[in-house]
Amino acid sequence: MHEILTNPLVIAAVIGIISAIFGKKNKDEKRPPGTRPGNQAKKQDQKQPQKEHKPEAEELPAVSKENPFEQKRREAEKRLAETEQMFNGLEHKLTSARARNASLKKSALKINKETAVQGIIFSEVLGPPRAKKPHRTMRNIGKK
């Protein structure tokens, strides 16, 4: 029994359980009896859909008076207009991106004698040292 009470994990678990029990009691005491936050939210949600259904019921007879084919045609025209707008916007973005990429490629590919020489020098400077990778000599070839 003494070993269980000296174990820090057991002590931490007991303290956690006790604090959870007292924490729940304190929360219940702070709330007024009979009112719960979950119930109030549900009551508000139930009241709102009833109010929203009334305007929809008034609009439905006006729509049903029209020819269903005309209604479908209008919906299709709306979708077509939306897709055309989206297509034009994407096409504009694509052309602007292509123009930017073309200008970057042109500026990046300007190579002359000086830049080529600098590239070779930097490859020698930044490359591995010759002690690690010596030139091949005729003596090394003959030993193989």
N, C-alpha and C. Protein backbone atom coordinates (compact mmCIF):
# COMPACT_ATOMS: atom_id res chain seq x y z
N MET A 1 0.83 -1.20 0.00
CA MET A 1 0.00 0.00 0.00
C MET A 1 0.87 1.26 0.00
N HIS A 2 1.97 1.20 0.75
CA HIS A 2 2.86 2.35 0.83
C HIS A 2 3.50 2.65 -0.53
N GLU A 3 3.79 1.61 -1.33
CA GLU A 3 4.40 1.79 -2.65
C GLU A 3 3.44 2.50 -3.61
N ILE A 4 2.16 2.21 -3.50
CA ILE A 4 1.16 2.84 -4.37
C ILE A 4 1.06 4.33 -4.07
N LEU A 5 1.07 4.69 -2.79
CA LEU A 5 0.92 6.10 -2.42
C LEU A 5 2.18 6.91 -2.72
N THR A 6 3.32 6.29 -2.87
CA THR A 6 4.54 7.03 -3.18
C THR A 6 4.76 7.16 -4.68
N ASN A 7 4.00 6.48 -5.49
CA ASN A 7 4.13 6.56 -6.95
C ASN A 7 3.54 7.89 -7.42
N PRO A 8 4.33 8.73 -8.13
CA PRO A 8 3.84 10.05 -8.55
C PRO A 8 2.71 9.96 -9.58
N LEU A 9 2.69 8.94 -10.41
CA LEU A 9 1.62 8.81 -11.40
C LEU A 9 0.28 8.54 -10.74
N VAL A 10 0.28 7.71 -9.72
CA VAL A 10 -0.97 7.40 -9.02
C VAL A 10 -1.47 8.64 -8.30
N ILE A 11 -0.55 9.38 -7.70
CA ILE A 11 -0.94 10.61 -6.99
C ILE A 11 -1.52 11.62 -7.97
N ALA A 12 -0.90 11.77 -9.15
CA ALA A 12 -1.41 12.71 -10.15
C ALA A 12 -2.79 12.29 -10.64
N ALA A 13 -3.01 10.99 -10.81
CA ALA A 13 -4.31 10.51 -11.26
C ALA A 13 -5.38 10.78 -10.22
N VAL A 14 -5.07 10.56 -8.96
CA VAL A 14 -6.03 10.80 -7.88
C VAL A 14 -6.37 12.29 -7.80
N ILE A 15 -5.36 13.15 -7.91
CA ILE A 15 -5.60 14.60 -7.87
C ILE A 15 -6.46 15.02 -9.06
N GLY A 16 -6.21 14.46 -10.24
CA GLY A 16 -7.01 14.79 -11.42
C GLY A 16 -8.46 14.38 -11.26
N ILE A 17 -8.69 13.21 -10.71
CA ILE A 17 -10.07 12.74 -10.50
C ILE A 17 -10.79 13.63 -9.51
N ILE A 18 -10.13 13.97 -8.43
CA ILE A 18 -10.76 14.81 -7.40
C ILE A 18 -11.07 16.20 -7.96
N SER A 19 -10.13 16.78 -8.71
CA SER A 19 -10.38 18.12 -9.27
C SER A 19 -11.51 18.07 -10.31
N ALA A 20 -11.62 16.99 -11.06
CA ALA A 20 -12.70 16.88 -12.04
C ALA A 20 -14.05 16.80 -11.35
N ILE A 21 -14.12 16.06 -10.27
CA ILE A 21 -15.39 15.94 -9.54
C ILE A 21 -15.81 17.28 -8.97
N PHE A 22 -14.88 17.98 -8.30
CA PHE A 22 -15.23 19.28 -7.73
C PHE A 22 -15.47 20.33 -8.80
N GLY A 23 -14.80 20.22 -9.92
CA GLY A 23 -15.03 21.16 -11.02
C GLY A 23 -16.43 21.05 -11.58
N LYS A 24 -16.95 19.85 -11.70
CA LYS A 24 -18.31 19.64 -12.20
C LYS A 24 -19.33 20.18 -11.21
N LYS A 25 -19.08 19.98 -9.92
CA LYS A 25 -20.02 20.47 -8.91
C LYS A 25 -20.08 22.00 -8.93
N ASN A 26 -18.93 22.65 -9.10
CA ASN A 26 -18.89 24.11 -9.13
C ASN A 26 -19.64 24.65 -10.35
N LYS A 27 -19.52 24.01 -11.48
CA LYS A 27 -20.23 24.46 -12.68
C LYS A 27 -21.73 24.31 -12.51
N ASP A 28 -22.16 23.22 -11.91
CA ASP A 28 -23.59 23.00 -11.70
C ASP A 28 -24.16 24.02 -10.73
N GLU A 29 -23.40 24.42 -9.71
CA GLU A 29 -23.88 25.39 -8.74
C GLU A 29 -24.00 26.79 -9.35
N LYS A 30 -23.13 27.14 -10.27
CA LYS A 30 -23.15 28.47 -10.88
C LYS A 30 -24.34 28.65 -11.80
N ARG A 31 -24.81 27.59 -12.44
CA ARG A 31 -25.95 27.69 -13.35
C ARG A 31 -27.25 27.76 -12.57
N PRO A 32 -28.19 28.58 -13.04
CA PRO A 32 -29.50 28.56 -12.39
C PRO A 32 -30.22 27.26 -12.73
N PRO A 33 -30.97 26.70 -11.78
CA PRO A 33 -31.64 25.43 -12.04
C PRO A 33 -32.71 25.56 -13.11
N GLY A 34 -32.79 24.56 -13.97
CA GLY A 34 -33.84 24.53 -14.98
C GLY A 34 -33.44 25.14 -16.31
N THR A 35 -32.36 25.89 -16.37
CA THR A 35 -31.95 26.46 -17.66
C THR A 35 -30.61 25.85 -18.04
N ARG A 36 -30.57 25.31 -19.21
CA ARG A 36 -29.34 24.74 -19.74
C ARG A 36 -29.03 25.44 -21.06
N PRO A 37 -27.77 25.70 -21.34
CA PRO A 37 -27.44 26.38 -22.59
C PRO A 37 -27.83 25.57 -23.82
N GLY A 38 -27.74 24.27 -23.77
CA GLY A 38 -28.10 23.44 -24.91
C GLY A 38 -29.58 23.54 -25.24
N ASN A 39 -30.42 23.58 -24.21
CA ASN A 39 -31.87 23.66 -24.44
C ASN A 39 -32.27 24.99 -25.05
N GLN A 40 -31.64 26.07 -24.62
CA GLN A 40 -31.98 27.39 -25.16
C GLN A 40 -31.62 27.46 -26.64
N ALA A 41 -30.49 26.92 -27.01
CA ALA A 41 -30.09 26.96 -28.42
C ALA A 41 -31.05 26.14 -29.27
N LYS A 42 -31.51 25.01 -28.76
CA LYS A 42 -32.45 24.18 -29.52
C LYS A 42 -33.78 24.90 -29.70
N LYS A 43 -34.24 25.60 -28.66
CA LYS A 43 -35.51 26.32 -28.76
C LYS A 43 -35.42 27.42 -29.81
N GLN A 44 -34.29 28.13 -29.86
CA GLN A 44 -34.13 29.20 -30.84
C GLN A 44 -34.09 28.63 -32.25
N ASP A 45 -33.42 27.49 -32.43
CA ASP A 45 -33.35 26.87 -33.75
C ASP A 45 -34.72 26.42 -34.22
N GLN A 46 -35.56 25.96 -33.30
CA GLN A 46 -36.88 25.49 -33.69
C GLN A 46 -37.78 26.66 -34.08
N LYS A 47 -37.62 27.81 -33.48
CA LYS A 47 -38.46 28.96 -33.80
C LYS A 47 -38.10 29.56 -35.15
N GLN A 48 -36.84 29.61 -35.51
CA GLN A 48 -36.42 30.25 -36.74
C GLN A 48 -36.90 29.54 -38.00
N PRO A 49 -36.84 28.22 -38.11
CA PRO A 49 -37.31 27.59 -39.35
C PRO A 49 -38.79 27.83 -39.63
N GLN A 50 -39.60 27.96 -38.61
CA GLN A 50 -41.02 28.21 -38.83
C GLN A 50 -41.23 29.57 -39.49
N LYS A 51 -40.47 30.56 -39.09
CA LYS A 51 -40.59 31.89 -39.68
C LYS A 51 -40.07 31.90 -41.11
N GLU A 52 -39.04 31.13 -41.39
CA GLU A 52 -38.45 31.11 -42.72
C GLU A 52 -39.32 30.40 -43.74
N HIS A 53 -40.11 29.44 -43.33
CA HIS A 53 -40.93 28.68 -44.27
C HIS A 53 -42.07 29.52 -44.84
N LYS A 54 -42.54 30.49 -44.14
CA LYS A 54 -43.66 31.29 -44.63
C LYS A 54 -43.32 32.07 -45.90
N PRO A 55 -42.17 32.78 -45.99
CA PRO A 55 -41.86 33.49 -47.23
C PRO A 55 -41.66 32.54 -48.41
N GLU A 56 -41.12 31.38 -48.16
CA GLU A 56 -40.91 30.43 -49.25
C GLU A 56 -42.25 29.96 -49.80
N ALA A 57 -43.22 29.79 -48.94
CA ALA A 57 -44.54 29.33 -49.38
C ALA A 57 -45.19 30.37 -50.28
N GLU A 58 -44.94 31.65 -50.03
CA GLU A 58 -45.51 32.71 -50.86
C GLU A 58 -44.84 32.76 -52.23
N GLU A 59 -43.56 32.45 -52.30
CA GLU A 59 -42.84 32.51 -53.57
C GLU A 59 -43.15 31.33 -54.47
N LEU A 60 -43.46 30.20 -53.93
CA LEU A 60 -43.68 29.00 -54.72
C LEU A 60 -44.82 29.14 -55.72
N PRO A 61 -45.97 29.72 -55.39
CA PRO A 61 -47.03 29.83 -56.39
C PRO A 61 -46.61 30.69 -57.59
N ALA A 62 -45.81 31.71 -57.39
CA ALA A 62 -45.38 32.56 -58.50
C ALA A 62 -44.48 31.76 -59.45
N VAL A 63 -43.65 30.90 -58.92
CA VAL A 63 -42.75 30.11 -59.74
C VAL A 63 -43.53 29.04 -60.49
N SER A 64 -44.51 28.45 -59.85
CA SER A 64 -45.27 27.38 -60.49
C SER A 64 -46.13 27.90 -61.63
N LYS A 65 -46.47 29.19 -61.64
CA LYS A 65 -47.27 29.76 -62.72
C LYS A 65 -46.47 29.79 -64.02
N GLU A 66 -45.13 29.94 -63.93
CA GLU A 66 -44.30 29.98 -65.12
C GLU A 66 -44.17 28.59 -65.72
N ASN A 67 -43.81 28.58 -66.97
CA ASN A 67 -43.59 27.32 -67.65
C ASN A 67 -42.33 26.66 -67.08
N PRO A 68 -42.37 25.39 -66.73
CA PRO A 68 -41.18 24.76 -66.15
C PRO A 68 -39.99 24.74 -67.12
N PHE A 69 -40.27 24.69 -68.41
CA PHE A 69 -39.17 24.72 -69.38
C PHE A 69 -38.49 26.08 -69.40
N GLU A 70 -39.27 27.14 -69.27
CA GLU A 70 -38.71 28.49 -69.22
C GLU A 70 -37.83 28.64 -67.98
N GLN A 71 -38.30 28.09 -66.88
CA GLN A 71 -37.55 28.18 -65.63
C GLN A 71 -36.21 27.45 -65.77
N LYS A 72 -36.24 26.26 -66.35
CA LYS A 72 -35.00 25.50 -66.53
C LYS A 72 -34.06 26.21 -67.50
N ARG A 73 -34.63 26.84 -68.53
CA ARG A 73 -33.82 27.57 -69.50
C ARG A 73 -33.12 28.74 -68.82
N ARG A 74 -33.85 29.46 -67.97
CA ARG A 74 -33.25 30.60 -67.26
C ARG A 74 -32.14 30.13 -66.33
N GLU A 75 -32.38 29.03 -65.63
CA GLU A 75 -31.35 28.51 -64.74
C GLU A 75 -30.10 28.11 -65.54
N ALA A 76 -30.32 27.50 -66.69
CA ALA A 76 -29.19 27.10 -67.53
C ALA A 76 -28.44 28.33 -68.04
N GLU A 77 -29.17 29.38 -68.41
CA GLU A 77 -28.51 30.61 -68.86
C GLU A 77 -27.70 31.25 -67.74
N LYS A 78 -28.24 31.21 -66.52
CA LYS A 78 -27.51 31.77 -65.38
C LYS A 78 -26.21 31.00 -65.15
N ARG A 79 -26.32 29.67 -65.20
CA ARG A 79 -25.12 28.85 -65.00
C ARG A 79 -24.11 29.09 -66.12
N LEU A 80 -24.60 29.24 -67.35
CA LEU A 80 -23.71 29.49 -68.48
C LEU A 80 -22.99 30.83 -68.30
N ALA A 81 -23.73 31.85 -67.88
CA ALA A 81 -23.12 33.16 -67.67
C ALA A 81 -22.06 33.10 -66.56
N GLU A 82 -22.37 32.38 -65.48
CA GLU A 82 -21.41 32.26 -64.39
C GLU A 82 -20.14 31.53 -64.84
N THR A 83 -20.32 30.45 -65.60
CA THR A 83 -19.14 29.71 -66.06
C THR A 83 -18.32 30.52 -67.05
N GLU A 84 -18.98 31.32 -67.90
CA GLU A 84 -18.24 32.17 -68.83
C GLU A 84 -17.43 33.21 -68.08
N GLN A 85 -18.03 33.80 -67.04
CA GLN A 85 -17.29 34.79 -66.25
C GLN A 85 -16.09 34.15 -65.56
N MET A 86 -16.31 32.97 -65.01
CA MET A 86 -15.22 32.28 -64.34
C MET A 86 -14.13 31.91 -65.34
N PHE A 87 -14.52 31.45 -66.52
CA PHE A 87 -13.57 31.08 -67.56
C PHE A 87 -12.75 32.29 -68.00
N ASN A 88 -13.43 33.42 -68.22
CA ASN A 88 -12.72 34.63 -68.64
C ASN A 88 -11.73 35.09 -67.57
N GLY A 89 -12.13 35.01 -66.30
CA GLY A 89 -11.23 35.39 -65.22
C GLY A 89 -10.01 34.49 -65.16
N LEU A 90 -10.23 33.18 -65.30
CA LEU A 90 -9.11 32.24 -65.28
C LEU A 90 -8.21 32.41 -66.49
N GLU A 91 -8.81 32.68 -67.64
CA GLU A 91 -8.02 32.88 -68.85
C GLU A 91 -7.14 34.12 -68.71
N HIS A 92 -7.69 35.18 -68.11
CA HIS A 92 -6.92 36.41 -67.90
C HIS A 92 -5.75 36.14 -66.95
N LYS A 93 -6.00 35.40 -65.88
CA LYS A 93 -4.94 35.08 -64.93
C LYS A 93 -3.85 34.24 -65.59
N LEU A 94 -4.27 33.31 -66.43
CA LEU A 94 -3.32 32.43 -67.11
C LEU A 94 -2.43 33.22 -68.07
N THR A 95 -3.02 34.12 -68.84
CA THR A 95 -2.21 34.90 -69.79
C THR A 95 -1.24 35.82 -69.05
N SER A 96 -1.68 36.41 -67.94
CA SER A 96 -0.78 37.28 -67.18
C SER A 96 0.35 36.47 -66.56
N ALA A 97 0.05 35.25 -66.10
CA ALA A 97 1.10 34.40 -65.53
C ALA A 97 2.09 33.98 -66.61
N ARG A 98 1.60 33.68 -67.80
CA ARG A 98 2.50 33.30 -68.90
C ARG A 98 3.41 34.47 -69.28
N ALA A 99 2.86 35.67 -69.30
CA ALA A 99 3.67 36.84 -69.65
C ALA A 99 4.77 37.05 -68.61
N ARG A 100 4.45 36.89 -67.33
CA ARG A 100 5.45 37.04 -66.28
C ARG A 100 6.54 35.97 -66.40
N ASN A 101 6.13 34.74 -66.66
CA ASN A 101 7.10 33.65 -66.80
C ASN A 101 8.01 33.87 -68.00
N ALA A 102 7.46 34.36 -69.10
CA ALA A 102 8.27 34.61 -70.29
C ALA A 102 9.32 35.69 -70.01
N SER A 103 8.93 36.74 -69.30
CA SER A 103 9.90 37.80 -69.00
C SER A 103 10.98 37.29 -68.05
N LEU A 104 10.63 36.42 -67.12
CA LEU A 104 11.63 35.86 -66.21
C LEU A 104 12.60 34.96 -66.96
N LYS A 105 12.10 34.16 -67.89
CA LYS A 105 12.98 33.27 -68.65
C LYS A 105 13.95 34.07 -69.51
N LYS A 106 13.48 35.15 -70.12
CA LYS A 106 14.36 35.96 -70.96
C LYS A 106 15.47 36.58 -70.14
N SER A 107 15.15 37.09 -68.96
CA SER A 107 16.17 37.73 -68.13
C SER A 107 17.11 36.70 -67.52
N ALA A 108 16.66 35.49 -67.28
CA ALA A 108 17.50 34.48 -66.66
C ALA A 108 18.47 33.84 -67.64
N LEU A 109 18.20 33.87 -68.92
CA LEU A 109 19.02 33.18 -69.91
C LEU A 109 20.07 34.06 -70.59
N LYS A 110 20.34 35.22 -70.08
CA LYS A 110 21.35 36.09 -70.68
C LYS A 110 22.73 35.63 -70.23
N ILE A 111 23.43 34.94 -71.13
CA ILE A 111 24.76 34.42 -70.82
C ILE A 111 25.75 35.04 -71.81
N ASN A 112 26.84 35.57 -71.26
CA ASN A 112 27.92 36.09 -72.11
C ASN A 112 29.24 35.49 -71.62
N LYS A 113 30.35 35.92 -72.20
CA LYS A 113 31.65 35.34 -71.85
C LYS A 113 31.98 35.53 -70.38
N GLU A 114 31.70 36.71 -69.86
CA GLU A 114 32.06 37.01 -68.48
C GLU A 114 31.29 36.13 -67.49
N THR A 115 30.00 35.96 -67.72
CA THR A 115 29.22 35.13 -66.80
C THR A 115 29.62 33.66 -66.90
N ALA A 116 29.99 33.20 -68.09
CA ALA A 116 30.44 31.82 -68.25
C ALA A 116 31.75 31.60 -67.51
N VAL A 117 32.68 32.54 -67.61
CA VAL A 117 33.96 32.43 -66.92
C VAL A 117 33.74 32.45 -65.41
N GLN A 118 32.87 33.33 -64.94
CA GLN A 118 32.58 33.39 -63.51
C GLN A 118 31.97 32.08 -63.02
N GLY A 119 31.14 31.46 -63.83
CA GLY A 119 30.55 30.18 -63.46
C GLY A 119 31.59 29.09 -63.30
N ILE A 120 32.55 29.05 -64.21
CA ILE A 120 33.62 28.04 -64.13
C ILE A 120 34.48 28.28 -62.90
N ILE A 121 34.81 29.54 -62.64
CA ILE A 121 35.63 29.87 -61.47
C ILE A 121 34.91 29.47 -60.19
N PHE A 122 33.63 29.79 -60.09
CA PHE A 122 32.88 29.44 -58.89
C PHE A 122 32.75 27.93 -58.73
N SER A 123 32.65 27.19 -59.83
CA SER A 123 32.57 25.73 -59.71
C SER A 123 33.87 25.16 -59.17
N GLU A 124 35.01 25.76 -59.54
CA GLU A 124 36.29 25.31 -59.01
C GLU A 124 36.44 25.69 -57.54
N VAL A 125 35.99 26.90 -57.20
CA VAL A 125 36.13 27.37 -55.82
C VAL A 125 35.21 26.58 -54.89
N LEU A 126 33.99 26.37 -55.30
CA LEU A 126 33.02 25.72 -54.43
C LEU A 126 33.03 24.20 -54.52
N GLY A 127 33.75 23.65 -55.48
CA GLY A 127 33.80 22.21 -55.66
C GLY A 127 34.70 21.54 -54.64
N PRO A 128 34.84 20.20 -54.73
CA PRO A 128 35.70 19.48 -53.78
C PRO A 128 37.16 19.83 -54.02
N PRO A 129 37.98 19.77 -52.99
CA PRO A 129 39.41 20.11 -53.15
C PRO A 129 40.13 19.05 -53.98
N ARG A 130 41.25 19.45 -54.59
CA ARG A 130 42.01 18.55 -55.46
C ARG A 130 42.68 17.45 -54.64
N ALA A 131 42.94 17.67 -53.37
CA ALA A 131 43.55 16.64 -52.55
C ALA A 131 42.61 15.44 -52.42
N LYS A 132 41.33 15.70 -52.40
CA LYS A 132 40.35 14.61 -52.32
C LYS A 132 40.12 13.97 -53.67
N LYS A 133 40.32 14.75 -54.75
CA LYS A 133 40.04 14.25 -56.09
C LYS A 133 41.17 14.71 -57.01
N PRO A 134 42.34 14.05 -56.94
CA PRO A 134 43.49 14.51 -57.72
C PRO A 134 43.32 14.21 -59.20
N HIS A 135 44.14 14.93 -60.01
CA HIS A 135 44.14 14.66 -61.45
C HIS A 135 44.68 13.26 -61.70
N ARG A 136 44.23 12.64 -62.75
CA ARG A 136 44.74 11.31 -63.09
C ARG A 136 46.08 11.46 -63.80
N THR A 137 47.00 10.69 -63.38
CA THR A 137 48.32 10.73 -64.00
C THR A 137 48.59 9.40 -64.69
N MET A 138 49.66 9.37 -65.44
CA MET A 138 50.02 8.14 -66.17
C MET A 138 50.44 7.04 -65.20
N ARG A 139 51.00 7.40 -64.05
CA ARG A 139 51.41 6.40 -63.08
C ARG A 139 50.20 5.65 -62.53
N ASN A 140 49.11 6.39 -62.28
CA ASN A 140 47.91 5.74 -61.75
C ASN A 140 47.28 4.81 -62.78
N ILE A 141 47.38 5.16 -64.05
CA ILE A 141 46.78 4.34 -65.09
C ILE A 141 47.56 3.04 -65.23
N GLY A 142 48.90 3.08 -65.12
CA GLY A 142 49.75 1.91 -65.27
C GLY A 142 49.60 0.92 -64.13
N LYS A 143 49.22 1.35 -62.95
CA LYS A 143 49.08 0.47 -61.79
C LYS A 143 47.84 -0.42 -61.88
N LYS A 144 46.88 0.00 -62.61
CA LYS A 144 45.64 -0.78 -62.68
C LYS A 144 45.81 -1.97 -63.49
